[in-house]
C-alpha cells in the first residue's frame, strides 16, 4: 500500500472518530480558538489559500502537512471536497507527519520586528 492510500485511510479513520475539521473557515476558527494538532492540506490548494493557512498557522504554532492527495481523493474518501483539514488528535497528527511533508509556515512581520529589536 502506498503512502497516498495510507493517508486516505487515515483521513477516513479521523472522520469516523470525529477528529477532523474540514473547510478553510472552520479550520481557521478551530486553530485560533481551540487549538488543533495539525493542519492537513491537499496538493491542489491554491497559492492564496496556502498563504492564508501559513499565516494563521504561524500565529498559532500549528504544523502544516501536505499529504500528497488532491481534493478529489478527499471527496472520494470522506464525501466532502476540501483542500484544508484540521486534525484534532495528537496521535493522528503524528502519523500524518510521518506520511506527508511538513510545509514551513512563514513568520508574521509583527513577530519579525519584535525579534529584531
PDB file of N, CA and C in Angstrom:
ATOM      1  N   UNK A   1       0.850  -1.175   0.000  1.00  0.00           N
ATOM      2  CA  UNK A   1       0.000   0.000   0.000  1.00  0.00           C
ATOM      3  C   UNK A   1       0.900   1.245   0.000  1.00  0.00           C
ATOM      4  N   UNK A   2       0.632   2.189  -0.901  1.00  0.00           N
ATOM      5  CA  UNK A   2       1.462   3.389  -0.986  1.00  0.00           C
ATOM      6  C   UNK A   2       1.047   4.429   0.055  1.00  0.00           C
ATOM      7  N   UNK A   3       1.848   5.485   0.178  1.00  0.00           N
ATOM      8  CA  UNK A   3       1.596   6.480   1.214  1.00  0.00           C
ATOM      9  C   UNK A   3       0.316   7.273   0.953  1.00  0.00           C
ATOM     10  N   UNK A   4      -0.060   7.449  -0.331  1.00  0.00           N
ATOM     11  CA  UNK A   4      -1.311   8.144  -0.625  1.00  0.00           C
ATOM     12  C   UNK A   4      -2.502   7.356  -0.098  1.00  0.00           C
ATOM     13  N   UNK A   5      -2.511   6.051  -0.313  1.00  0.00           N
ATOM     14  CA  UNK A   5      -3.610   5.223   0.169  1.00  0.00           C
ATOM     15  C   UNK A   5      -3.636   5.200   1.700  1.00  0.00           C
ATOM     16  N   UNK A   6      -2.453   5.192   2.330  1.00  0.00           N
ATOM     17  CA  UNK A   6      -2.391   5.228   3.785  1.00  0.00           C
ATOM     18  C   UNK A   6      -2.953   6.541   4.313  1.00  0.00           C
ATOM     19  N   UNK A   7      -2.651   7.646   3.625  1.00  0.00           N
ATOM     20  CA  UNK A   7      -3.176   8.950   4.040  1.00  0.00           C
ATOM     21  C   UNK A   7      -4.696   8.994   3.899  1.00  0.00           C
ATOM     22  N   UNK A   8      -5.217   8.423   2.821  1.00  0.00           N
ATOM     23  CA  UNK A   8      -6.671   8.375   2.629  1.00  0.00           C
ATOM     24  C   UNK A   8      -7.325   7.531   3.717  1.00  0.00           C
ATOM     25  N   UNK A   9      -6.733   6.386   4.025  1.00  0.00           N
ATOM     26  CA  UNK A   9      -7.276   5.533   5.092  1.00  0.00           C
ATOM     27  C   UNK A   9      -7.238   6.238   6.439  1.00  0.00           C
ATOM     28  N   UNK A  10      -6.158   6.964   6.700  1.00  0.00           N
ATOM     29  CA  UNK A  10      -6.034   7.692   7.959  1.00  0.00           C
ATOM     30  C   UNK A  10      -7.069   8.813   8.044  1.00  0.00           C
ATOM     31  N   UNK A  11      -7.306   9.506   6.931  1.00  0.00           N
ATOM     32  CA  UNK A  11      -8.350  10.537   6.898  1.00  0.00           C
ATOM     33  C   UNK A  11      -9.722   9.934   7.188  1.00  0.00           C
ATOM     34  N   UNK A  12      -9.973   8.763   6.631  1.00  0.00           N
ATOM     35  CA  UNK A  12     -11.247   8.081   6.866  1.00  0.00           C
ATOM     36  C   UNK A  12     -11.413   7.729   8.342  1.00  0.00           C
ATOM     37  N   UNK A  13     -10.349   7.241   8.959  1.00  0.00           N
ATOM     38  CA  UNK A  13     -10.424   6.932  10.402  1.00  0.00           C
ATOM     39  C   UNK A  13     -10.643   8.187  11.227  1.00  0.00           C
ATOM     40  N   UNK A  14      -9.984   9.281  10.844  1.00  0.00           N
ATOM     41  CA  UNK A  14     -10.176  10.550  11.557  1.00  0.00           C
ATOM     42  C   UNK A  14     -11.615  11.027  11.446  1.00  0.00           C
ATOM     43  N   UNK A  15     -12.180  10.896  10.267  1.00  0.00           N
ATOM     44  CA  UNK A  15     -13.564  11.326  10.041  1.00  0.00           C
ATOM     45  C   UNK A  15     -14.536  10.489  10.870  1.00  0.00           C
ATOM     46  N   UNK A  16     -14.315   9.177  10.894  1.00  0.00           N
ATOM     47  CA  UNK A  16     -15.206   8.295  11.658  1.00  0.00           C
ATOM     48  C   UNK A  16     -15.109   8.544  13.153  1.00  0.00           C
ATOM     49  N   UNK A  17     -13.928   8.950  13.625  1.00  0.00           N
ATOM     50  CA  UNK A  17     -13.764   9.212  15.057  1.00  0.00           C
ATOM     51  C   UNK A  17     -14.128  10.648  15.422  1.00  0.00           C
ATOM     52  N   UNK A  18     -14.458  11.466  14.427  1.00  0.00           N
ATOM     53  CA  UNK A  18     -14.859  12.846  14.700  1.00  0.00           C
ATOM     54  C   UNK A  18     -13.692  13.763  15.005  1.00  0.00           C
ATOM     55  N   UNK A  19     -12.502  13.420  14.549  1.00  0.00           N
ATOM     56  CA  UNK A  19     -11.300  14.201  14.852  1.00  0.00           C
ATOM     57  C   UNK A  19     -10.798  15.034  13.686  1.00  0.00           C
ATOM     58  N   UNK A  20     -11.612  15.191  12.649  1.00  0.00           N
ATOM     59  CA  UNK A  20     -11.205  16.007  11.506  1.00  0.00           C
ATOM     60  C   UNK A  20     -12.182  17.166  11.333  1.00  0.00           C
ATOM     61  N   UNK A  21     -11.641  18.342  11.058  1.00  0.00           N
ATOM     62  CA  UNK A  21     -12.427  19.543  10.800  1.00  0.00           C
ATOM     63  C   UNK A  21     -12.119  19.930   9.358  1.00  0.00           C
ATOM     64  N   UNK A  22     -13.148  20.127   8.552  1.00  0.00           N
ATOM     65  CA  UNK A  22     -12.940  20.348   7.124  1.00  0.00           C
ATOM     66  C   UNK A  22     -13.441  21.714   6.698  1.00  0.00           C
ATOM     67  N   UNK A  23     -12.713  22.329   5.776  1.00  0.00           N
ATOM     68  CA  UNK A  23     -13.093  23.626   5.236  1.00  0.00           C
ATOM     69  C   UNK A  23     -12.259  24.736   5.842  1.00  0.00           C
ATOM     70  N   UNK A  24     -11.914  25.727   5.030  1.00  0.00           N
ATOM     71  CA  UNK A  24     -10.990  26.777   5.463  1.00  0.00           C
ATOM     72  C   UNK A  24     -11.482  27.528   6.694  1.00  0.00           C
ATOM     73  N   UNK A  25     -12.712  28.040   6.652  1.00  0.00           N
ATOM     74  CA  UNK A  25     -13.214  28.861   7.764  1.00  0.00           C
ATOM     75  C   UNK A  25     -13.291  28.069   9.068  1.00  0.00           C
ATOM     76  N   UNK A  26     -13.768  26.837   8.999  1.00  0.00           N
ATOM     77  CA  UNK A  26     -13.870  26.002  10.200  1.00  0.00           C
ATOM     78  C   UNK A  26     -12.489  25.668  10.756  1.00  0.00           C
ATOM     79  N   UNK A  27     -11.534  25.413   9.869  1.00  0.00           N
ATOM     80  CA  UNK A  27     -10.167  25.091  10.308  1.00  0.00           C
ATOM     81  C   UNK A  27      -9.530  26.309  10.954  1.00  0.00           C
ATOM     82  N   UNK A  28      -9.693  27.462  10.337  1.00  0.00           N
ATOM     83  CA  UNK A  28      -9.112  28.694  10.893  1.00  0.00           C
ATOM     84  C   UNK A  28      -9.668  28.982  12.285  1.00  0.00           C
ATOM     85  N   UNK A  29     -10.975  28.863  12.423  1.00  0.00           N
ATOM     86  CA  UNK A  29     -11.622  29.106  13.718  1.00  0.00           C
ATOM     87  C   UNK A  29     -11.140  28.107  14.769  1.00  0.00           C
ATOM     88  N   UNK A  30     -11.059  26.845  14.403  1.00  0.00           N
ATOM     89  CA  UNK A  30     -10.619  25.818  15.347  1.00  0.00           C
ATOM     90  C   UNK A  30      -9.157  26.012  15.740  1.00  0.00           C
ATOM     91  N   UNK A  31      -8.311  26.378  14.792  1.00  0.00           N
ATOM     92  CA  UNK A  31      -6.897  26.576  15.094  1.00  0.00           C
ATOM     93  C   UNK A  31      -6.684  27.758  16.018  1.00  0.00           C
ATOM     94  N   UNK A  32      -7.443  28.814  15.817  1.00  0.00           N
ATOM     95  CA  UNK A  32      -7.265  30.014  16.636  1.00  0.00           C
ATOM     96  C   UNK A  32      -7.900  29.853  18.007  1.00  0.00           C
ATOM     97  N   UNK A  33      -9.119  29.333  18.076  1.00  0.00           N
ATOM     98  CA  UNK A  33      -9.850  29.275  19.337  1.00  0.00           C
ATOM     99  C   UNK A  33      -9.546  28.032  20.170  1.00  0.00           C
ATOM    100  N   UNK A  34      -9.579  26.855  19.550  1.00  0.00           N
ATOM    101  CA  UNK A  34      -9.451  25.613  20.293  1.00  0.00           C
ATOM    102  C   UNK A  34      -8.042  25.062  20.292  1.00  0.00           C
ATOM    103  N   UNK A  35      -7.324  25.301  19.230  1.00  0.00           N
ATOM    104  CA  UNK A  35      -6.028  24.681  19.042  1.00  0.00           C
ATOM    105  C   UNK A  35      -6.216  23.292  18.450  1.00  0.00           C
ATOM    106  N   UNK A  36      -5.478  23.008  17.404  1.00  0.00           N
ATOM    107  CA  UNK A  36      -5.541  21.709  16.737  1.00  0.00           C
ATOM    108  C   UNK A  36      -4.134  21.139  16.669  1.00  0.00           C
ATOM    109  N   UNK A  37      -4.030  19.841  16.458  1.00  0.00           N
ATOM    110  CA  UNK A  37      -2.723  19.191  16.426  1.00  0.00           C
ATOM    111  C   UNK A  37      -1.966  19.511  15.144  1.00  0.00           C
ATOM    112  N   UNK A  38      -2.649  19.552  14.010  1.00  0.00           N
ATOM    113  CA  UNK A  38      -2.011  19.920  12.739  1.00  0.00           C
ATOM    114  C   UNK A  38      -3.076  20.308  11.733  1.00  0.00           C
ATOM    115  N   UNK A  39      -2.625  20.955  10.671  1.00  0.00           N
ATOM    116  CA  UNK A  39      -3.489  21.290   9.544  1.00  0.00           C
ATOM    117  C   UNK A  39      -2.966  20.518   8.346  1.00  0.00           C
ATOM    118  N   UNK A  40      -3.855  19.792   7.687  1.00  0.00           N
ATOM    119  CA  UNK A  40      -3.504  18.978   6.526  1.00  0.00           C
ATOM    120  C   UNK A  40      -4.052  19.686   5.286  1.00  0.00           C
ATOM    121  N   UNK A  41      -3.200  19.810   4.266  1.00  0.00           N
ATOM    122  CA  UNK A  41      -3.629  20.455   3.027  1.00  0.00           C
ATOM    123  C   UNK A  41      -3.473  19.496   1.857  1.00  0.00           C
ATOM    124  N   UNK A  42      -4.375  19.621   0.900  1.00  0.00           N
ATOM    125  CA  UNK A  42      -4.327  18.797  -0.315  1.00  0.00           C
ATOM    126  C   UNK A  42      -3.332  19.403  -1.296  1.00  0.00           C
ATOM    127  N   UNK A  43      -2.923  18.622  -2.269  1.00  0.00           N
ATOM    128  CA  UNK A  43      -1.934  19.073  -3.243  1.00  0.00           C
ATOM    129  C   UNK A  43      -2.450  20.169  -4.164  1.00  0.00           C
ATOM    130  N   UNK A  44      -3.741  20.214  -4.430  1.00  0.00           N
ATOM    131  CA  UNK A  44      -4.274  21.213  -5.351  1.00  0.00           C
ATOM    132  C   UNK A  44      -4.779  22.468  -4.633  1.00  0.00           C
ATOM    133  N   UNK A  45      -4.206  22.793  -3.495  1.00  0.00           N
ATOM    134  CA  UNK A  45      -4.559  24.019  -2.777  1.00  0.00           C
ATOM    135  C   UNK A  45      -4.012  25.212  -3.556  1.00  0.00           C
ATOM    136  N   UNK A  46      -4.774  26.287  -3.607  1.00  0.00           N
ATOM    137  CA  UNK A  46      -4.311  27.472  -4.330  1.00  0.00           C
ATOM    138  C   UNK A  46      -3.234  28.180  -3.512  1.00  0.00           C
ATOM    139  N   UNK A  47      -2.397  28.943  -4.203  1.00  0.00           N
ATOM    140  CA  UNK A  47      -1.314  29.655  -3.521  1.00  0.00           C
ATOM    141  C   UNK A  47      -1.854  30.674  -2.518  1.00  0.00           C
ATOM    142  N   UNK A  48      -2.966  31.315  -2.860  1.00  0.00           N
ATOM    143  CA  UNK A  48      -3.559  32.306  -1.954  1.00  0.00           C
ATOM    144  C   UNK A  48      -4.067  31.637  -0.677  1.00  0.00           C
ATOM    145  N   UNK A  49      -4.749  30.524  -0.831  1.00  0.00           N
ATOM    146  CA  UNK A  49      -5.263  29.807   0.341  1.00  0.00           C
ATOM    147  C   UNK A  49      -4.112  29.276   1.183  1.00  0.00           C
ATOM    148  N   UNK A  50      -3.077  28.748   0.544  1.00  0.00           N
ATOM    149  CA  UNK A  50      -1.921  28.251   1.278  1.00  0.00           C
ATOM    150  C   UNK A  50      -1.243  29.373   2.048  1.00  0.00           C
ATOM    151  N   UNK A  51      -1.167  30.546   1.450  1.00  0.00           N
ATOM    152  CA  UNK A  51      -0.569  31.697   2.127  1.00  0.00           C
ATOM    153  C   UNK A  51      -1.370  32.059   3.384  1.00  0.00           C
ATOM    154  N   UNK A  52      -2.692  32.052   3.274  1.00  0.00           N
ATOM    155  CA  UNK A  52      -3.538  32.366   4.423  1.00  0.00           C
ATOM    156  C   UNK A  52      -3.424  31.295   5.504  1.00  0.00           C
ATOM    157  N   UNK A  53      -3.345  30.027   5.096  1.00  0.00           N
ATOM    158  CA  UNK A  53      -3.173  28.933   6.057  1.00  0.00           C
ATOM    159  C   UNK A  53      -1.833  29.078   6.772  1.00  0.00           C
ATOM    160  N   UNK A  54      -0.778  29.396   6.024  1.00  0.00           N
ATOM    161  CA  UNK A  54       0.540  29.596   6.633  1.00  0.00           C
ATOM    162  C   UNK A  54       0.504  30.731   7.653  1.00  0.00           C
ATOM    163  N   UNK A  55      -0.233  31.790   7.329  1.00  0.00           N
ATOM    164  CA  UNK A  55      -0.288  32.937   8.232  1.00  0.00           C
ATOM    165  C   UNK A  55      -0.939  32.574   9.563  1.00  0.00           C
ATOM    166  N   UNK A  56      -2.148  31.980   9.536  1.00  0.00           N
ATOM    167  CA  UNK A  56      -2.788  31.694  10.816  1.00  0.00           C
ATOM    168  C   UNK A  56      -2.128  30.532  11.539  1.00  0.00           C
ATOM    169  N   UNK A  57      -1.486  29.620  10.815  1.00  0.00           N
ATOM    170  CA  UNK A  57      -0.764  28.534  11.490  1.00  0.00           C
ATOM    171  C   UNK A  57       0.513  29.033  12.150  1.00  0.00           C
ATOM    172  N   UNK A  58       1.167  30.008  11.539  1.00  0.00           N
ATOM    173  CA  UNK A  58       2.366  30.552  12.173  1.00  0.00           C
ATOM    174  C   UNK A  58       2.002  31.337  13.436  1.00  0.00           C
ATOM    175  N   UNK A  59       0.837  31.967  13.439  1.00  0.00           N
ATOM    176  CA  UNK A  59       0.384  32.691  14.634  1.00  0.00           C
ATOM    177  C   UNK A  59       0.010  31.748  15.771  1.00  0.00           C
ATOM    178  N   UNK A  60      -0.483  30.551  15.438  1.00  0.00           N
ATOM    179  CA  UNK A  60      -0.927  29.621  16.469  1.00  0.00           C
ATOM    180  C   UNK A  60       0.091  28.521  16.750  1.00  0.00           C
ATOM    181  N   UNK A  61       1.170  28.450  15.971  1.00  0.00           N
ATOM    182  CA  UNK A  61       2.182  27.416  16.175  1.00  0.00           C
ATOM    183  C   UNK A  61       1.741  26.034  15.734  1.00  0.00           C
ATOM    184  N   UNK A  62       0.891  25.968  14.729  1.00  0.00           N
ATOM    185  CA  UNK A  62       0.358  24.703  14.232  1.00  0.00           C
ATOM    186  C   UNK A  62       1.146  24.252  13.005  1.00  0.00           C
ATOM    187  N   UNK A  63       1.457  22.968  12.927  1.00  0.00           N
ATOM    188  CA  UNK A  63       2.165  22.428  11.773  1.00  0.00           C
ATOM    189  C   UNK A  63       1.213  22.280  10.595  1.00  0.00           C
ATOM    190  N   UNK A  64       1.761  22.508   9.389  1.00  0.00           N
ATOM    191  CA  UNK A  64       1.020  22.309   8.141  1.00  0.00           C
ATOM    192  C   UNK A  64       1.647  21.119   7.441  1.00  0.00           C
ATOM    193  N   UNK A  65       0.814  20.154   7.047  1.00  0.00           N
ATOM    194  CA  UNK A  65       1.319  18.940   6.423  1.00  0.00           C
ATOM    195  C   UNK A  65       0.636  18.739   5.070  1.00  0.00           C
ATOM    196  N   UNK A  66       1.454  18.562   4.032  1.00  0.00           N
ATOM    197  CA  UNK A  66       0.956  18.257   2.690  1.00  0.00           C
ATOM    198  C   UNK A  66       1.014  16.742   2.541  1.00  0.00           C
ATOM    199  N   UNK A  67      -0.126  16.100   2.261  1.00  0.00           N
ATOM    200  CA  UNK A  67      -0.193  14.643   2.333  1.00  0.00           C
ATOM    201  C   UNK A  67      -0.149  13.930   0.987  1.00  0.00           C
ATOM    202  N   UNK A  68      -0.040  14.665  -0.117  1.00  0.00           N
ATOM    203  CA  UNK A  68       0.131  14.018  -1.410  1.00  0.00           C
ATOM    204  C   UNK A  68      -1.138  13.532  -2.084  1.00  0.00           C
ATOM    205  N   UNK A  69      -2.288  14.042  -1.670  1.00  0.00           N
ATOM    206  CA  UNK A  69      -3.551  13.703  -2.342  1.00  0.00           C
ATOM    207  C   UNK A  69      -4.266  15.004  -2.692  1.00  0.00           C
ATOM    208  N   UNK A  70      -5.169  14.951  -3.649  1.00  0.00           N
ATOM    209  CA  UNK A  70      -5.891  16.160  -4.018  1.00  0.00           C
ATOM    210  C   UNK A  70      -7.319  16.129  -3.473  1.00  0.00           C
ATOM    211  N   UNK A  71      -8.060  17.192  -3.717  1.00  0.00           N
ATOM    212  CA  UNK A  71      -9.399  17.322  -3.142  1.00  0.00           C
ATOM    213  C   UNK A  71     -10.377  16.284  -3.692  1.00  0.00           C
ATOM    214  N   UNK A  72     -10.128  15.793  -4.896  1.00  0.00           N
ATOM    215  CA  UNK A  72     -10.991  14.729  -5.437  1.00  0.00           C
ATOM    216  C   UNK A  72     -10.841  13.438  -4.642  1.00  0.00           C
ATOM    217  N   UNK A  73      -9.613  13.124  -4.241  1.00  0.00           N
ATOM    218  CA  UNK A  73      -9.382  11.948  -3.394  1.00  0.00           C
ATOM    219  C   UNK A  73     -10.037  12.123  -2.031  1.00  0.00           C
ATOM    220  N   UNK A  74      -9.986  13.347  -1.504  1.00  0.00           N
ATOM    221  CA  UNK A  74     -10.642  13.635  -0.225  1.00  0.00           C
ATOM    222  C   UNK A  74     -12.144  13.444  -0.365  1.00  0.00           C
ATOM    223  N   UNK A  75     -12.713  13.907  -1.480  1.00  0.00           N
ATOM    224  CA  UNK A  75     -14.145  13.736  -1.715  1.00  0.00           C
ATOM    225  C   UNK A  75     -14.520  12.263  -1.795  1.00  0.00           C
ATOM    226  N   UNK A  76     -13.713  11.485  -2.513  1.00  0.00           N
ATOM    227  CA  UNK A  76     -13.986  10.050  -2.631  1.00  0.00           C
ATOM    228  C   UNK A  76     -13.950   9.357  -1.274  1.00  0.00           C
ATOM    229  N   UNK A  77     -13.030   9.785  -0.404  1.00  0.00           N
ATOM    230  CA  UNK A  77     -12.863   9.135   0.898  1.00  0.00           C
ATOM    231  C   UNK A  77     -13.876   9.613   1.934  1.00  0.00           C
ATOM    232  N   UNK A  78     -14.160  10.923   1.937  1.00  0.00           N
ATOM    233  CA  UNK A  78     -14.950  11.492   3.025  1.00  0.00           C
ATOM    234  C   UNK A  78     -16.325  12.004   2.617  1.00  0.00           C
ATOM    235  N   UNK A  79     -16.557  12.143   1.321  1.00  0.00           N
ATOM    236  CA  UNK A  79     -17.859  12.617   0.886  1.00  0.00           C
ATOM    237  C   UNK A  79     -17.993  14.123   0.884  1.00  0.00           C
ATOM    238  N   UNK A  80     -16.901  14.841   1.117  1.00  0.00           N
ATOM    239  CA  UNK A  80     -16.919  16.296   1.085  1.00  0.00           C
ATOM    240  C   UNK A  80     -15.605  16.757   0.480  1.00  0.00           C
ATOM    241  N   UNK A  81     -15.688  17.648  -0.501  1.00  0.00           N
ATOM    242  CA  UNK A  81     -14.470  18.141  -1.137  1.00  0.00           C
ATOM    243  C   UNK A  81     -13.875  19.241  -0.277  1.00  0.00           C
ATOM    244  N   UNK A  82     -12.623  19.077   0.101  1.00  0.00           N
ATOM    245  CA  UNK A  82     -11.934  20.061   0.932  1.00  0.00           C
ATOM    246  C   UNK A  82     -10.452  20.026   0.617  1.00  0.00           C
ATOM    247  N   UNK A  83      -9.822  21.199   0.672  1.00  0.00           N
ATOM    248  CA  UNK A  83      -8.376  21.256   0.477  1.00  0.00           C
ATOM    249  C   UNK A  83      -7.655  21.559   1.785  1.00  0.00           C
ATOM    250  N   UNK A  84      -8.399  21.990   2.799  1.00  0.00           N
ATOM    251  CA  UNK A  84      -7.820  22.300   4.110  1.00  0.00           C
ATOM    252  C   UNK A  84      -8.588  21.525   5.164  1.00  0.00           C
ATOM    253  N   UNK A  85      -7.851  20.763   5.995  1.00  0.00           N
ATOM    254  CA  UNK A  85      -8.462  19.991   7.063  1.00  0.00           C
ATOM    255  C   UNK A  85      -7.606  20.123   8.324  1.00  0.00           C
ATOM    256  N   UNK A  86      -8.245  20.156   9.463  1.00  0.00           N
ATOM    257  CA  UNK A  86      -7.518  20.189  10.732  1.00  0.00           C
ATOM    258  C   UNK A  86      -7.717  18.856  11.439  1.00  0.00           C
ATOM    259  N   UNK A  87      -6.660  18.386  12.061  1.00  0.00           N
ATOM    260  CA  UNK A  87      -6.710  17.140  12.811  1.00  0.00           C
ATOM    261  C   UNK A  87      -6.643  17.494  14.289  1.00  0.00           C
ATOM    262  N   UNK A  88      -7.639  17.058  15.036  1.00  0.00           N
ATOM    263  CA  UNK A  88      -7.761  17.415  16.447  1.00  0.00           C
ATOM    264  C   UNK A  88      -7.350  16.262  17.353  1.00  0.00           C
ATOM    265  N   UNK A  89      -6.329  15.514  16.964  1.00  0.00           N
ATOM    266  CA  UNK A  89      -5.848  14.396  17.761  1.00  0.00           C
ATOM    267  C   UNK A  89      -4.337  14.269  17.550  1.00  0.00           C
ATOM    268  N   UNK A  90      -3.595  14.214  18.638  1.00  0.00           N
ATOM    269  CA  UNK A  90      -2.131  14.192  18.551  1.00  0.00           C
ATOM    270  C   UNK A  90      -1.615  12.937  17.852  1.00  0.00           C
ATOM    271  N   UNK A  91      -2.189  11.780  18.127  1.00  0.00           N
ATOM    272  CA  UNK A  91      -1.741  10.528  17.521  1.00  0.00           C
ATOM    273  C   UNK A  91      -1.939  10.514  16.021  1.00  0.00           C
ATOM    274  N   UNK A  92      -3.118  10.952  15.567  1.00  0.00           N
ATOM    275  CA  UNK A  92      -3.370  11.038  14.134  1.00  0.00           C
ATOM    276  C   UNK A  92      -2.424  12.049  13.483  1.00  0.00           C
ATOM    277  N   UNK A  93      -2.210  13.184  14.148  1.00  0.00           N
ATOM    278  CA  UNK A  93      -1.330  14.222  13.600  1.00  0.00           C
ATOM    279  C   UNK A  93       0.097  13.707  13.447  1.00  0.00           C
ATOM    280  N   UNK A  94       0.552  12.931  14.411  1.00  0.00           N
ATOM    281  CA  UNK A  94       1.901  12.372  14.339  1.00  0.00           C
ATOM    282  C   UNK A  94       2.031  11.424  13.146  1.00  0.00           C
ATOM    283  N   UNK A  95       1.010  10.635  12.894  1.00  0.00           N
ATOM    284  CA  UNK A  95       1.038   9.698  11.769  1.00  0.00           C
ATOM    285  C   UNK A  95       0.981  10.449  10.430  1.00  0.00           C
ATOM    286  N   UNK A  96       0.187  11.532  10.346  1.00  0.00           N
ATOM    287  CA  UNK A  96       0.167  12.338   9.134  1.00  0.00           C
ATOM    288  C   UNK A  96       1.537  12.948   8.868  1.00  0.00           C
ATOM    289  N   UNK A  97       2.217  13.348   9.930  1.00  0.00           N
ATOM    290  CA  UNK A  97       3.553  13.922   9.793  1.00  0.00           C
ATOM    291  C   UNK A  97       4.528  12.892   9.217  1.00  0.00           C
ATOM    292  N   UNK A  98       4.354  11.629   9.598  1.00  0.00           N
ATOM    293  CA  UNK A  98       5.202  10.561   9.060  1.00  0.00           C
ATOM    294  C   UNK A  98       4.899  10.293   7.590  1.00  0.00           C
ATOM    295  N   UNK A  99       3.629  10.412   7.196  1.00  0.00           N
ATOM    296  CA  UNK A  99       3.218  10.100   5.826  1.00  0.00           C
ATOM    297  C   UNK A  99       3.445  11.249   4.850  1.00  0.00           C
ATOM    298  N   UNK A 100       3.327  12.478   5.306  1.00  0.00           N
ATOM    299  CA  UNK A 100       3.406  13.628   4.407  1.00  0.00           C
ATOM    300  C   UNK A 100       4.664  14.428   4.622  1.00  0.00           C
ATOM    301  N   UNK A 101       4.654  15.629   4.065  1.00  0.00           N
ATOM    302  CA  UNK A 101       5.782  16.534   4.238  1.00  0.00           C
ATOM    303  C   UNK A 101       5.295  17.786   4.951  1.00  0.00           C
ATOM    304  N   UNK A 102       6.100  18.262   5.903  1.00  0.00           N
ATOM    305  CA  UNK A 102       5.744  19.447   6.670  1.00  0.00           C
ATOM    306  C   UNK A 102       6.068  20.673   5.830  1.00  0.00           C
ATOM    307  N   UNK A 103       5.090  21.579   5.721  1.00  0.00           N
ATOM    308  CA  UNK A 103       5.261  22.823   4.987  1.00  0.00           C
ATOM    309  C   UNK A 103       5.692  23.884   5.980  1.00  0.00           C
ATOM    310  N   UNK A 104       6.736  24.601   5.654  1.00  0.00           N
ATOM    311  CA  UNK A 104       7.233  25.627   6.561  1.00  0.00           C
ATOM    312  C   UNK A 104       6.300  26.823   6.545  1.00  0.00           C
ATOM    313  N   UNK A 105       5.806  27.175   7.716  1.00  0.00           N
ATOM    314  CA  UNK A 105       4.933  28.339   7.844  1.00  0.00           C
ATOM    315  C   UNK A 105       5.797  29.587   7.954  1.00  0.00           C
ATOM    316  N   UNK A 106       5.316  30.675   7.411  1.00  0.00           N
ATOM    317  CA  UNK A 106       6.058  31.924   7.470  1.00  0.00           C
ATOM    318  C   UNK A 106       5.870  32.579   8.825  1.00  0.00           C
ATOM    319  N   UNK A 107       6.824  33.387   9.219  1.00  0.00           N
ATOM    320  CA  UNK A 107       6.721  34.136  10.466  1.00  0.00           C
ATOM    321  C   UNK A 107       6.111  35.484  10.126  1.00  0.00           C
ATOM    322  N   UNK A 108       5.036  35.883  10.838  1.00  0.00           N
ATOM    323  CA  UNK A 108       4.393  37.164  10.548  1.00  0.00           C
ATOM    324  C   UNK A 108       5.359  38.331  10.742  1.00  0.00           C
ATOM    325  N   UNK A 109       5.152  39.388   9.985  1.00  0.00           N
ATOM    326  CA  UNK A 109       6.030  40.562  10.071  1.00  0.00           C
ATOM    327  C   UNK A 109       6.081  41.139  11.467  1.00  0.00           C
ATOM    328  N   UNK A 110       4.957  41.156  12.163  1.00  0.00           N
ATOM    329  CA  UNK A 110       4.924  41.723  13.512  1.00  0.00           C
ATOM    330  C   UNK A 110       5.866  40.963  14.441  1.00  0.00           C
ATOM    331  N   UNK A 111       5.986  39.649  14.257  1.00  0.00           N
ATOM    332  CA  UNK A 111       6.882  38.861  15.098  1.00  0.00           C
ATOM    333  C   UNK A 111       8.336  39.075  14.672  1.00  0.00           C
ATOM    334  N   UNK A 112       8.591  39.290  13.382  1.00  0.00           N
ATOM    335  CA  UNK A 112       9.948  39.540  12.914  1.00  0.00           C
ATOM    336  C   UNK A 112      10.486  40.833  13.508  1.00  0.00           C
ATOM    337  N   UNK A 113       9.676  41.863  13.517  1.00  0.00           N
ATOM    338  CA  UNK A 113      10.112  43.157  14.040  1.00  0.00           C
ATOM    339  C   UNK A 113      10.450  43.071  15.517  1.00  0.00           C
ATOM    340  N   UNK A 114       9.661  42.315  16.279  1.00  0.00           N
ATOM    341  CA  UNK A 114       9.923  42.168  17.704  1.00  0.00           C
ATOM    342  C   UNK A 114      11.217  41.408  17.956  1.00  0.00           C
ATOM    343  N   UNK A 115      11.488  40.387  17.153  1.00  0.00           N
ATOM    344  CA  UNK A 115      12.688  39.585  17.361  1.00  0.00           C
ATOM    345  C   UNK A 115      13.936  40.331  16.913  1.00  0.00           C
ATOM    346  N   UNK A 116      13.814  41.267  15.964  1.00  0.00           N
ATOM    347  CA  UNK A 116      14.972  42.028  15.502  1.00  0.00           C
ATOM    348  C   UNK A 116      15.388  43.077  16.503  1.00  0.00           C
ATOM    349  N   UNK A 117      14.474  43.543  17.341  1.00  0.00           N
ATOM    350  CA  UNK A 117      14.779  44.621  18.286  1.00  0.00           C
ATOM    351  C   UNK A 117      15.537  44.125  19.482  1.00  0.00           C
TER     352      UNK A 117
END
